[in-house]
């Protein structure tokens, strides 16, 4: 989805360069140079863009719901780990970048959805995603958000990243998380409380071409992901007037459940052992969150999360 919008924006920029309005493209390049660091310094959100009516229809299409399990004190900063990535990351976008749900459930907190820095290199597209409240996933960007002395900031990070989208098959409960510990270190360095978030239904929006680990397709996808920084899952769903084939996601409900905070004491120089301990605790709380709520959202009793 992001790729399609980005391609449109880049195409528009090329048209400006090659057309009679080339001077506008030159002016924009100057602006891009001067504004280059903004995605890493809190972005530039627009409540007008975040409140567009189209996002209301987007949330109602699936529909998308945000479920609160515990209060989050706005006097602190938080790092929310979002799982799973899925193909569209619809739950993260619908709940943290649009509408009033997060603000109503967690008053005093401002969410920042971190996405790959490469998206902010695309002309015009970068303005759009920043307006929705998205910022870079670079270390500098996360530090900027979590370094707010008065609290009230919430970094939302899709922990599994692009690599996890290759596991986004209906019914899949596999999370890429065992080797991902950078977010733990960031939470410790800034004293940001950790909050596990599980989005039930995220993997049900598309069907993906079979790509088991070790297959030629999976090998190609993983190599491309390492080189380009983003994955290329081969997926399909429904069309506009028929349900057999297309790129429009299926109408499957998404319930994004925000867990209880894990209180983290600031540690500017955490040891490897301290990072491992907090990482293990986070995995425990994430699994507990899933087990407590899976029955409510159609997950069979015998199904459990798989950590890779």
Foldseek 3Di string as FASTA:
>chain_A
DLVVVLVVLLVVLVCCCPDPNVVVSVVLVVVCVVCVCQLQQQFDAALVLQEDPVLVVVCVQLPEAEAEDDADDQQAEAEEAEDDCAQPNSNCLSQQQHDCRCCVRHPLAHEEEADDSVQCVRPPSVNSVSRSRYGHPDLSSLLNQLQPNRGRYYYYYNQQAQLSNQQLAVPAQEGAHPPRLPVLLSCQQSQHWYKYKYKPPRSQFKHFDDDDPPDPVSVVQVVCCVVVVHGDTHIWAQDDPGTPTHRGTDSHYIYMYIGDIHGHHHDNDDDPVRSVVVSVVVVVRNQVVCQVCVVVRPRDNPDGHHYD
